[in-house]
Amino acid sequence: ELARVRPKFVEKVSTQMINQLLDDILLDGIVSEMEKESITEENNVRSDKARRLIDSVKKKGERASRKLIEHIQSRDPELSAELGLSCGQPAPPGELRDRLEGSGQ
């Protein structure tokens, strides 16, 4: 899902949001302090930071990607909706659960 939303995320996300997401995934143990610093200090342009954030998390696997999506949803529901990210309370497998709730089961 991150790969699908990457272009629009890069276009829309603010520097402040990138920094908040980096703090979130640092606390989750998805990135190390060194990786976080690398993303923020080696990329002066906001769009490059956004690309690097998505790419770094994607490399960590599905669980890390899902966690980043959850943070985007909770921190900026409007951006999440613009990106078309799965909505509802995050719970694996979130998309299946949302479909079941939507069908009235």
PDB file of N, CA and C in Angstrom:
ATOM      1  N   GLU A   1       0.826  -1.198   0.000  1.00  0.00           N
ATOM      2  CA  GLU A   1       0.000   0.000   0.000  1.00  0.00           C
ATOM      3  C   GLU A   1       0.871   1.263   0.000  1.00  0.00           C
ATOM      4  N   LEU A   2       2.010   1.229   0.681  1.00  0.00           N
ATOM      5  CA  LEU A   2       2.900   2.401   0.686  1.00  0.00           C
ATOM      6  C   LEU A   2       3.405   2.718  -0.716  1.00  0.00           C
ATOM      7  N   ALA A   3       3.704   1.674  -1.485  1.00  0.00           N
ATOM      8  CA  ALA A   3       4.194   1.898  -2.845  1.00  0.00           C
ATOM      9  C   ALA A   3       3.140   2.625  -3.675  1.00  0.00           C
ATOM     10  N   ARG A   4       1.886   2.256  -3.480  1.00  0.00           N
ATOM     11  CA  ARG A   4       0.786   2.856  -4.232  1.00  0.00           C
ATOM     12  C   ARG A   4       0.616   4.340  -3.895  1.00  0.00           C
ATOM     13  N   VAL A   5       0.750   4.697  -2.623  1.00  0.00           N
ATOM     14  CA  VAL A   5       0.490   6.082  -2.206  1.00  0.00           C
ATOM     15  C   VAL A   5       1.737   6.966  -2.230  1.00  0.00           C
ATOM     16  N   ARG A   6       2.886   6.388  -2.511  1.00  0.00           N
ATOM     17  CA  ARG A   6       4.153   7.132  -2.430  1.00  0.00           C
ATOM     18  C   ARG A   6       4.144   8.454  -3.198  1.00  0.00           C
ATOM     19  N   PRO A   7       3.741   8.469  -4.486  1.00  0.00           N
ATOM     20  CA  PRO A   7       3.809   9.747  -5.215  1.00  0.00           C
ATOM     21  C   PRO A   7       2.962  10.855  -4.577  1.00  0.00           C
ATOM     22  N   LYS A   8       1.750  10.530  -4.181  1.00  0.00           N
ATOM     23  CA  LYS A   8       0.871  11.542  -3.585  1.00  0.00           C
ATOM     24  C   LYS A   8       1.353  11.927  -2.186  1.00  0.00           C
ATOM     25  N   PHE A   9       1.874  10.962  -1.432  1.00  0.00           N
ATOM     26  CA  PHE A   9       2.430  11.249  -0.110  1.00  0.00           C
ATOM     27  C   PHE A   9       3.569  12.256  -0.242  1.00  0.00           C
ATOM     28  N   VAL A  10       4.460  12.011  -1.187  1.00  0.00           N
ATOM     29  CA  VAL A  10       5.608  12.901  -1.418  1.00  0.00           C
ATOM     30  C   VAL A  10       5.125  14.307  -1.772  1.00  0.00           C
ATOM     31  N   GLU A  11       4.057  14.387  -2.549  1.00  0.00           N
ATOM     32  CA  GLU A  11       3.521  15.678  -2.983  1.00  0.00           C
ATOM     33  C   GLU A  11       2.841  16.434  -1.835  1.00  0.00           C
ATOM     34  N   LYS A  12       2.130  15.725  -0.967  1.00  0.00           N
ATOM     35  CA  LYS A  12       1.238  16.375   0.002  1.00  0.00           C
ATOM     36  C   LYS A  12       1.793  16.529   1.417  1.00  0.00           C
ATOM     37  N   VAL A  13       2.683  15.651   1.856  1.00  0.00           N
ATOM     38  CA  VAL A  13       3.082  15.634   3.267  1.00  0.00           C
ATOM     39  C   VAL A  13       3.946  16.849   3.622  1.00  0.00           C
ATOM     40  N   SER A  14       3.745  17.360   4.829  1.00  0.00           N
ATOM     41  CA  SER A  14       4.523  18.512   5.300  1.00  0.00           C
ATOM     42  C   SER A  14       5.799  18.043   6.002  1.00  0.00           C
ATOM     43  N   THR A  15       6.753  18.946   6.120  1.00  0.00           N
ATOM     44  CA  THR A  15       7.988  18.637   6.844  1.00  0.00           C
ATOM     45  C   THR A  15       7.681  18.300   8.296  1.00  0.00           C
ATOM     46  N   GLN A  16       6.762  19.038   8.901  1.00  0.00           N
ATOM     47  CA  GLN A  16       6.381  18.775  10.292  1.00  0.00           C
ATOM     48  C   GLN A  16       5.828  17.354  10.444  1.00  0.00           C
ATOM     49  N   MET A  17       4.984  16.946   9.506  1.00  0.00           N
ATOM     50  CA  MET A  17       4.403  15.599   9.557  1.00  0.00           C
ATOM     51  C   MET A  17       5.487  14.531   9.377  1.00  0.00           C
ATOM     52  N   ILE A  18       6.425  14.762   8.472  1.00  0.00           N
ATOM     53  CA  ILE A  18       7.530  13.813   8.272  1.00  0.00           C
ATOM     54  C   ILE A  18       8.281  13.628   9.588  1.00  0.00           C
ATOM     55  N   ASN A  19       8.584  14.740  10.262  1.00  0.00           N
ATOM     56  CA  ASN A  19       9.316  14.661  11.530  1.00  0.00           C
ATOM     57  C   ASN A  19       8.514  13.924  12.601  1.00  0.00           C
ATOM     58  N   GLN A  20       7.206  14.160  12.647  1.00  0.00           N
ATOM     59  CA  GLN A  20       6.357  13.458  13.613  1.00  0.00           C
ATOM     60  C   GLN A  20       6.325  11.959  13.320  1.00  0.00           C
ATOM     61  N   LEU A  21       6.207  11.612  12.049  1.00  0.00           N
ATOM     62  CA  LEU A  21       6.183  10.196  11.666  1.00  0.00           C
ATOM     63  C   LEU A  21       7.516   9.525  11.985  1.00  0.00           C
ATOM     64  N   LEU A  22       8.611  10.242  11.757  1.00  0.00           N
ATOM     65  CA  LEU A  22       9.928   9.696  12.100  1.00  0.00           C
ATOM     66  C   LEU A  22      10.040   9.445  13.601  1.00  0.00           C
ATOM     67  N   ASP A  23       9.531  10.379  14.405  1.00  0.00           N
ATOM     68  CA  ASP A  23       9.525  10.173  15.861  1.00  0.00           C
ATOM     69  C   ASP A  23       8.696   8.945  16.225  1.00  0.00           C
ATOM     70  N   ASP A  24       7.535   8.804  15.573  1.00  0.00           N
ATOM     71  CA  ASP A  24       6.654   7.659  15.849  1.00  0.00           C
ATOM     72  C   ASP A  24       7.346   6.333  15.546  1.00  0.00           C
ATOM     73  N   ILE A  25       7.956   6.245  14.364  1.00  0.00           N
ATOM     74  CA  ILE A  25       8.545   4.956  13.990  1.00  0.00           C
ATOM     75  C   ILE A  25       9.862   4.697  14.723  1.00  0.00           C
ATOM     76  N   LEU A  26      10.494   5.761  15.215  1.00  0.00           N
ATOM     77  CA  LEU A  26      11.655   5.583  16.090  1.00  0.00           C
ATOM     78  C   LEU A  26      11.198   4.934  17.398  1.00  0.00           C
ATOM     79  N   LEU A  27      10.119   5.451  17.975  1.00  0.00           N
ATOM     80  CA  LEU A  27       9.575   4.883  19.216  1.00  0.00           C
ATOM     81  C   LEU A  27       9.106   3.443  19.017  1.00  0.00           C
ATOM     82  N   ASP A  28       8.610   3.134  17.814  1.00  0.00           N
ATOM     83  CA  ASP A  28       8.158   1.773  17.502  1.00  0.00           C
ATOM     84  C   ASP A  28       9.329   0.814  17.288  1.00  0.00           C
ATOM     85  N   GLY A  29      10.539   1.365  17.146  1.00  0.00           N
ATOM     86  CA  GLY A  29      11.697   0.524  16.873  1.00  0.00           C
ATOM     87  C   GLY A  29      11.837   0.144  15.409  1.00  0.00           C
ATOM     88  N   ILE A  30      11.118   0.845  14.537  1.00  0.00           N
ATOM     89  CA  ILE A  30      11.183   0.550  13.100  1.00  0.00           C
ATOM     90  C   ILE A  30      12.458   1.123  12.500  1.00  0.00           C
ATOM     91  N   VAL A  31      12.835   2.322  12.950  1.00  0.00           N
ATOM     92  CA  VAL A  31      14.112   2.905  12.529  1.00  0.00           C
ATOM     93  C   VAL A  31      14.938   3.211  13.769  1.00  0.00           C
ATOM     94  N   SER A  32      16.237   3.248  13.572  1.00  0.00           N
ATOM     95  CA  SER A  32      17.142   3.612  14.666  1.00  0.00           C
ATOM     96  C   SER A  32      17.324   5.127  14.669  1.00  0.00           C
ATOM     97  N   GLU A  33      17.920   5.626  15.725  1.00  0.00           N
ATOM     98  CA  GLU A  33      18.220   7.059  15.804  1.00  0.00           C
ATOM     99  C   GLU A  33      19.110   7.470  14.627  1.00  0.00           C
ATOM    100  N   MET A  34      20.057   6.610  14.277  1.00  0.00           N
ATOM    101  CA  MET A  34      20.965   6.908  13.171  1.00  0.00           C
ATOM    102  C   MET A  34      20.208   6.974  11.836  1.00  0.00           C
ATOM    103  N   GLU A  35      19.274   6.038  11.622  1.00  0.00           N
ATOM    104  CA  GLU A  35      18.485   6.061  10.385  1.00  0.00           C
ATOM    105  C   GLU A  35      17.619   7.321  10.321  1.00  0.00           C
ATOM    106  N   LYS A  36      17.038   7.687  11.449  1.00  0.00           N
ATOM    107  CA  LYS A  36      16.202   8.891  11.507  1.00  0.00           C
ATOM    108  C   LYS A  36      17.035  10.120  11.151  1.00  0.00           C
ATOM    109  N   GLU A  37      18.203  10.240  11.764  1.00  0.00           N
ATOM    110  CA  GLU A  37      19.080  11.379  11.479  1.00  0.00           C
ATOM    111  C   GLU A  37      19.506  11.393  10.020  1.00  0.00           C
ATOM    112  N   SER A  38      19.773  10.226   9.479  1.00  0.00           N
ATOM    113  CA  SER A  38      20.172  10.123   8.084  1.00  0.00           C
ATOM    114  C   SER A  38      19.073  10.661   7.164  1.00  0.00           C
ATOM    115  N   ILE A  39      17.828  10.311   7.455  1.00  0.00           N
ATOM    116  CA  ILE A  39      16.709  10.771   6.632  1.00  0.00           C
ATOM    117  C   ILE A  39      16.561  12.288   6.725  1.00  0.00           C
ATOM    118  N   THR A  40      16.685  12.838   7.920  1.00  0.00           N
ATOM    119  CA  THR A  40      16.459  14.278   8.088  1.00  0.00           C
ATOM    120  C   THR A  40      17.655  15.119   7.656  1.00  0.00           C
ATOM    121  N   GLU A  41      18.865  14.648   7.907  1.00  0.00           N
ATOM    122  CA  GLU A  41      20.042  15.475   7.647  1.00  0.00           C
ATOM    123  C   GLU A  41      20.601  15.337   6.237  1.00  0.00           C
ATOM    124  N   GLU A  42      20.417  14.190   5.613  1.00  0.00           N
ATOM    125  CA  GLU A  42      20.988  13.990   4.278  1.00  0.00           C
ATOM    126  C   GLU A  42      20.049  14.453   3.172  1.00  0.00           C
ATOM    127  N   ASN A  43      18.829  14.808   3.534  1.00  0.00           N
ATOM    128  CA  ASN A  43      17.846  15.237   2.542  1.00  0.00           C
ATOM    129  C   ASN A  43      17.343  16.621   2.927  1.00  0.00           C
ATOM    130  N   ASN A  44      17.815  17.631   2.199  1.00  0.00           N
ATOM    131  CA  ASN A  44      17.434  19.004   2.528  1.00  0.00           C
ATOM    132  C   ASN A  44      16.048  19.368   2.004  1.00  0.00           C
ATOM    133  N   VAL A  45      15.617  18.703   0.963  1.00  0.00           N
ATOM    134  CA  VAL A  45      14.335  19.019   0.337  1.00  0.00           C
ATOM    135  C   VAL A  45      13.246  18.137   0.950  1.00  0.00           C
ATOM    136  N   ARG A  46      12.092  18.746   1.250  1.00  0.00           N
ATOM    137  CA  ARG A  46      10.984  18.031   1.875  1.00  0.00           C
ATOM    138  C   ARG A  46      10.589  16.777   1.095  1.00  0.00           C
ATOM    139  N   SER A  47      10.476  16.897  -0.216  1.00  0.00           N
ATOM    140  CA  SER A  47      10.044  15.750  -1.018  1.00  0.00           C
ATOM    141  C   SER A  47      11.054  14.599  -0.948  1.00  0.00           C
ATOM    142  N   ASP A  48      12.340  14.917  -0.860  1.00  0.00           N
ATOM    143  CA  ASP A  48      13.357  13.865  -0.735  1.00  0.00           C
ATOM    144  C   ASP A  48      13.249  13.158   0.614  1.00  0.00           C
ATOM    145  N   LYS A  49      12.958  13.926   1.673  1.00  0.00           N
ATOM    146  CA  LYS A  49      12.754  13.315   2.995  1.00  0.00           C
ATOM    147  C   LYS A  49      11.561  12.368   2.957  1.00  0.00           C
ATOM    148  N   ALA A  50      10.494  12.807   2.309  1.00  0.00           N
ATOM    149  CA  ALA A  50       9.279  11.987   2.221  1.00  0.00           C
ATOM    150  C   ALA A  50       9.556  10.689   1.466  1.00  0.00           C
ATOM    151  N   ARG A  51      10.265  10.794   0.344  1.00  0.00           N
ATOM    152  CA  ARG A  51      10.617   9.592  -0.436  1.00  0.00           C
ATOM    153  C   ARG A  51      11.450   8.633   0.405  1.00  0.00           C
ATOM    154  N   ARG A  52      12.438   9.189   1.074  1.00  0.00           N
ATOM    155  CA  ARG A  52      13.349   8.365   1.873  1.00  0.00           C
ATOM    156  C   ARG A  52      12.621   7.694   3.038  1.00  0.00           C
ATOM    157  N   LEU A  53      11.677   8.413   3.648  1.00  0.00           N
ATOM    158  CA  LEU A  53      10.880   7.843   4.735  1.00  0.00           C
ATOM    159  C   LEU A  53      10.097   6.630   4.236  1.00  0.00           C
ATOM    160  N   ILE A  54       9.366   6.799   3.153  1.00  0.00           N
ATOM    161  CA  ILE A  54       8.568   5.694   2.599  1.00  0.00           C
ATOM    162  C   ILE A  54       9.471   4.532   2.213  1.00  0.00           C
ATOM    163  N   ASP A  55      10.553   4.818   1.501  1.00  0.00           N
ATOM    164  CA  ASP A  55      11.439   3.751   1.027  1.00  0.00           C
ATOM    165  C   ASP A  55      12.083   2.999   2.187  1.00  0.00           C
ATOM    166  N   SER A  56      12.483   3.722   3.224  1.00  0.00           N
ATOM    167  CA  SER A  56      13.110   3.080   4.387  1.00  0.00           C
ATOM    168  C   SER A  56      12.138   2.141   5.083  1.00  0.00           C
ATOM    169  N   VAL A  57      10.901   2.578   5.247  1.00  0.00           N
ATOM    170  CA  VAL A  57       9.906   1.753   5.938  1.00  0.00           C
ATOM    171  C   VAL A  57       9.511   0.558   5.075  1.00  0.00           C
ATOM    172  N   LYS A  58       9.355   0.765   3.768  1.00  0.00           N
ATOM    173  CA  LYS A  58       8.996  -0.349   2.873  1.00  0.00           C
ATOM    174  C   LYS A  58      10.014  -1.476   2.975  1.00  0.00           C
ATOM    175  N   LYS A  59      11.289  -1.123   3.071  1.00  0.00           N
ATOM    176  CA  LYS A  59      12.351  -2.135   3.162  1.00  0.00           C
ATOM    177  C   LYS A  59      12.259  -2.951   4.444  1.00  0.00           C
ATOM    178  N   LYS A  60      11.579  -2.414   5.458  1.00  0.00           N
ATOM    179  CA  LYS A  60      11.469  -3.102   6.754  1.00  0.00           C
ATOM    180  C   LYS A  60      10.347  -4.139   6.761  1.00  0.00           C
ATOM    181  N   GLY A  61       9.534  -4.156   5.716  1.00  0.00           N
ATOM    182  CA  GLY A  61       8.510  -5.193   5.625  1.00  0.00           C
ATOM    183  C   GLY A  61       7.088  -4.710   5.853  1.00  0.00           C
ATOM    184  N   GLU A  62       6.171  -5.669   5.759  1.00  0.00           N
ATOM    185  CA  GLU A  62       4.734  -5.389   5.830  1.00  0.00           C
ATOM    186  C   GLU A  62       4.313  -4.823   7.182  1.00  0.00           C
ATOM    187  N   ARG A  63       4.838  -5.381   8.249  1.00  0.00           N
ATOM    188  CA  ARG A  63       4.450  -4.927   9.589  1.00  0.00           C
ATOM    189  C   ARG A  63       4.852  -3.466   9.818  1.00  0.00           C
ATOM    190  N   ALA A  64       6.058  -3.123   9.396  1.00  0.00           N
ATOM    191  CA  ALA A  64       6.531  -1.742   9.526  1.00  0.00           C
ATOM    192  C   ALA A  64       5.694  -0.807   8.652  1.00  0.00           C
ATOM    193  N   SER A  65       5.381  -1.255   7.447  1.00  0.00           N
ATOM    194  CA  SER A  65       4.563  -0.447   6.540  1.00  0.00           C
ATOM    195  C   SER A  65       3.184  -0.195   7.138  1.00  0.00           C
ATOM    196  N   ARG A  66       2.581  -1.229   7.691  1.00  0.00           N
ATOM    197  CA  ARG A  66       1.257  -1.098   8.306  1.00  0.00           C
ATOM    198  C   ARG A  66       1.305  -0.106   9.476  1.00  0.00           C
ATOM    199  N   LYS A  67       2.384  -0.165  10.252  1.00  0.00           N
ATOM    200  CA  LYS A  67       2.524   0.730  11.405  1.00  0.00           C
ATOM    201  C   LYS A  67       2.627   2.187  10.943  1.00  0.00           C
ATOM    202  N   LEU A  68       3.397   2.437   9.886  1.00  0.00           N
ATOM    203  CA  LEU A  68       3.504   3.803   9.365  1.00  0.00           C
ATOM    204  C   LEU A  68       2.140   4.284   8.883  1.00  0.00           C
ATOM    205  N   ILE A  69       1.408   3.430   8.197  1.00  0.00           N
ATOM    206  CA  ILE A  69       0.067   3.787   7.724  1.00  0.00           C
ATOM    207  C   ILE A  69      -0.829   4.144   8.906  1.00  0.00           C
ATOM    208  N   GLU A  70      -0.756   3.369   9.977  1.00  0.00           N
ATOM    209  CA  GLU A  70      -1.553   3.666  11.174  1.00  0.00           C
ATOM    210  C   GLU A  70      -1.201   5.043  11.734  1.00  0.00           C
ATOM    211  N   HIS A  71       0.084   5.373  11.736  1.00  0.00           N
ATOM    212  CA  HIS A  71       0.507   6.685  12.244  1.00  0.00           C
ATOM    213  C   HIS A  71      -0.002   7.813  11.340  1.00  0.00           C
ATOM    214  N   ILE A  72       0.034   7.607  10.032  1.00  0.00           N
ATOM    215  CA  ILE A  72      -0.495   8.619   9.106  1.00  0.00           C
ATOM    216  C   ILE A  72      -1.986   8.814   9.372  1.00  0.00           C
ATOM    217  N   GLN A  73      -2.706   7.701   9.529  1.00  0.00           N
ATOM    218  CA  GLN A  73      -4.150   7.778   9.768  1.00  0.00           C
ATOM    219  C   GLN A  73      -4.472   8.525  11.057  1.00  0.00           C
ATOM    220  N   SER A  74      -3.724   8.260  12.111  1.00  0.00           N
ATOM    221  CA  SER A  74      -4.043   8.897  13.393  1.00  0.00           C
ATOM    222  C   SER A  74      -3.573  10.348  13.450  1.00  0.00           C
ATOM    223  N   ARG A  75      -2.448  10.658  12.817  1.00  0.00           N
ATOM    224  CA  ARG A  75      -1.916  12.026  12.884  1.00  0.00           C
ATOM    225  C   ARG A  75      -2.590  12.983  11.904  1.00  0.00           C
ATOM    226  N   ASP A  76      -2.990  12.465  10.738  1.00  0.00           N
ATOM    227  CA  ASP A  76      -3.582  13.337   9.720  1.00  0.00           C
ATOM    228  C   ASP A  76      -4.646  12.581   8.931  1.00  0.00           C
ATOM    229  N   PRO A  77      -5.857  12.464   9.497  1.00  0.00           N
ATOM    230  CA  PRO A  77      -6.933  11.740   8.811  1.00  0.00           C
ATOM    231  C   PRO A  77      -7.244  12.309   7.425  1.00  0.00           C
ATOM    232  N   GLU A  78      -7.086  13.621   7.266  1.00  0.00           N
ATOM    233  CA  GLU A  78      -7.361  14.241   5.969  1.00  0.00           C
ATOM    234  C   GLU A  78      -6.356  13.759   4.914  1.00  0.00           C
ATOM    235  N   LEU A  79      -5.082  13.750   5.256  1.00  0.00           N
ATOM    236  CA  LEU A  79      -4.059  13.244   4.339  1.00  0.00           C
ATOM    237  C   LEU A  79      -4.304  11.764   4.059  1.00  0.00           C
ATOM    238  N   SER A  80      -4.625  11.023   5.090  1.00  0.00           N
ATOM    239  CA  SER A  80      -4.902   9.596   4.945  1.00  0.00           C
ATOM    240  C   SER A  80      -6.027   9.362   3.942  1.00  0.00           C
ATOM    241  N   ALA A  81      -7.092  10.162   4.045  1.00  0.00           N
ATOM    242  CA  ALA A  81      -8.222  10.035   3.121  1.00  0.00           C
ATOM    243  C   ALA A  81      -7.799  10.415   1.702  1.00  0.00           C
ATOM    244  N   GLU A  82      -7.017  11.486   1.572  1.00  0.00           N
ATOM    245  CA  GLU A  82      -6.526  11.901   0.248  1.00  0.00           C
ATOM    246  C   GLU A  82      -5.695  10.807  -0.408  1.00  0.00           C
ATOM    247  N   LEU A  83      -4.920  10.109   0.418  1.00  0.00           N
ATOM    248  CA  LEU A  83      -4.063   9.043  -0.102  1.00  0.00           C
ATOM    249  C   LEU A  83      -4.860   7.773  -0.391  1.00  0.00           C
ATOM    250  N   GLY A  84      -6.083   7.707   0.134  1.00  0.00           N
ATOM    251  CA  GLY A  84      -6.905   6.516  -0.062  1.00  0.00           C
ATOM    252  C   GLY A  84      -6.439   5.348   0.779  1.00  0.00           C
ATOM    253  N   LEU A  85      -5.861   5.650   1.944  1.00  0.00           N
ATOM    254  CA  LEU A  85      -5.408   4.582   2.832  1.00  0.00           C
ATOM    255  C   LEU A  85      -6.608   3.923   3.486  1.00  0.00           C
ATOM    256  N   SER A  86      -6.484   2.655   3.799  1.00  0.00           N
ATOM    257  CA  SER A  86      -7.555   1.912   4.453  1.00  0.00           C
ATOM    258  C   SER A  86      -7.965   2.647   5.712  1.00  0.00           C
ATOM    259  N   CYS A  87      -9.272   2.794   5.906  1.00  0.00           N
ATOM    260  CA  CYS A  87      -9.727   3.514   7.087  1.00  0.00           C
ATOM    261  C   CYS A  87     -10.284   2.554   8.128  1.00  0.00           C
ATOM    262  N   GLY A  88     -10.676   3.101   9.246  1.00  0.00           N
ATOM    263  CA  GLY A  88     -11.165   2.276  10.339  1.00  0.00           C
ATOM    264  C   GLY A  88     -10.064   2.063  11.352  1.00  0.00           C
ATOM    265  N   GLN A  89     -10.394   1.422  12.449  1.00  0.00           N
ATOM    266  CA  GLN A  89      -9.401   1.135  13.479  1.00  0.00           C
ATOM    267  C   GLN A  89      -8.408   0.122  12.940  1.00  0.00           C
ATOM    268  N   PRO A  90      -7.115   0.382  13.048  1.00  0.00           N
ATOM    269  CA  PRO A  90      -6.129  -0.554  12.534  1.00  0.00           C
ATOM    270  C   PRO A  90      -6.133  -1.858  13.320  1.00  0.00           C
ATOM    271  N   ALA A  91      -6.339  -2.950  12.603  1.00  0.00           N
ATOM    272  CA  ALA A  91      -6.274  -4.276  13.212  1.00  0.00           C
ATOM    273  C   ALA A  91      -6.003  -5.278  12.109  1.00  0.00           C
ATOM    274  N   PRO A  92      -4.934  -6.036  12.216  1.00  0.00           N
ATOM    275  CA  PRO A  92      -4.632  -6.995  11.146  1.00  0.00           C
ATOM    276  C   PRO A  92      -5.689  -8.064  11.081  1.00  0.00           C
ATOM    277  N   PRO A  93      -6.148  -8.499   9.916  1.00  0.00           N
ATOM    278  CA  PRO A  93      -5.956  -7.777   8.656  1.00  0.00           C
ATOM    279  C   PRO A  93      -7.007  -6.694   8.519  1.00  0.00           C
ATOM    280  N   GLY A  94      -6.592  -5.450   8.598  1.00  0.00           N
ATOM    281  CA  GLY A  94      -7.495  -4.310   8.633  1.00  0.00           C
ATOM    282  C   GLY A  94      -8.430  -4.206   7.447  1.00  0.00           C
ATOM    283  N   GLU A  95      -7.906  -4.439   6.258  1.00  0.00           N
ATOM    284  CA  GLU A  95      -8.740  -4.269   5.080  1.00  0.00           C
ATOM    285  C   GLU A  95      -9.877  -5.276   5.070  1.00  0.00           C
ATOM    286  N   LEU A  96      -9.612  -6.509   5.423  1.00  0.00           N
ATOM    287  CA  LEU A  96     -10.646  -7.538   5.449  1.00  0.00           C
ATOM    288  C   LEU A  96     -11.699  -7.192   6.495  1.00  0.00           C
ATOM    289  N   ARG A  97     -11.271  -6.781   7.674  1.00  0.00           N
ATOM    290  CA  ARG A  97     -12.198  -6.428   8.744  1.00  0.00           C
ATOM    291  C   ARG A  97     -13.081  -5.267   8.313  1.00  0.00           C
ATOM    292  N   ASP A  98     -12.496  -4.255   7.656  1.00  0.00           N
ATOM    293  CA  ASP A  98     -13.279  -3.112   7.203  1.00  0.00           C
ATOM    294  C   ASP A  98     -14.329  -3.546   6.192  1.00  0.00           C
ATOM    295  N   ARG A  99     -13.981  -4.449   5.298  1.00  0.00           N
ATOM    296  CA  ARG A  99     -14.944  -4.934   4.314  1.00  0.00           C
ATOM    297  C   ARG A  99     -16.092  -5.664   4.998  1.00  0.00           C
ATOM    298  N   LEU A 100     -15.777  -6.472   5.998  1.00  0.00           N
ATOM    299  CA  LEU A 100     -16.819  -7.207   6.712  1.00  0.00           C
ATOM    300  C   LEU A 100     -17.752  -6.247   7.436  1.00  0.00           C
ATOM    301  N   GLU A 101     -17.201  -5.230   8.073  1.00  0.00           N
ATOM    302  CA  GLU A 101     -18.033  -4.247   8.765  1.00  0.00           C
ATOM    303  C   GLU A 101     -18.917  -3.503   7.772  1.00  0.00           C
ATOM    304  N   GLY A 102     -18.359  -3.193   6.620  1.00  0.00           N
ATOM    305  CA  GLY A 102     -19.110  -2.477   5.594  1.00  0.00           C
ATOM    306  C   GLY A 102     -20.254  -3.286   5.012  1.00  0.00           C
ATOM    307  N   SER A 103     -20.158  -4.614   5.054  1.00  0.00           N
ATOM    308  CA  SER A 103     -21.218  -5.453   4.495  1.00  0.00           C
ATOM    309  C   SER A 103     -22.283  -5.780   5.532  1.00  0.00           C
ATOM    310  N   GLY A 104     -22.147  -5.243   6.745  1.00  0.00           N
ATOM    311  CA  GLY A 104     -23.158  -5.423   7.766  1.00  0.00           C
ATOM    312  C   GLY A 104     -23.062  -6.717   8.536  1.00  0.00           C
ATOM    313  N   GLN A 105     -21.946  -7.405   8.448  1.00  0.00           N
ATOM    314  CA  GLN A 105     -21.800  -8.670   9.178  1.00  0.00           C
ATOM    315  C   GLN A 105     -21.294  -8.445  10.567  1.00  0.00           C
TER     316      GLN A 105
END
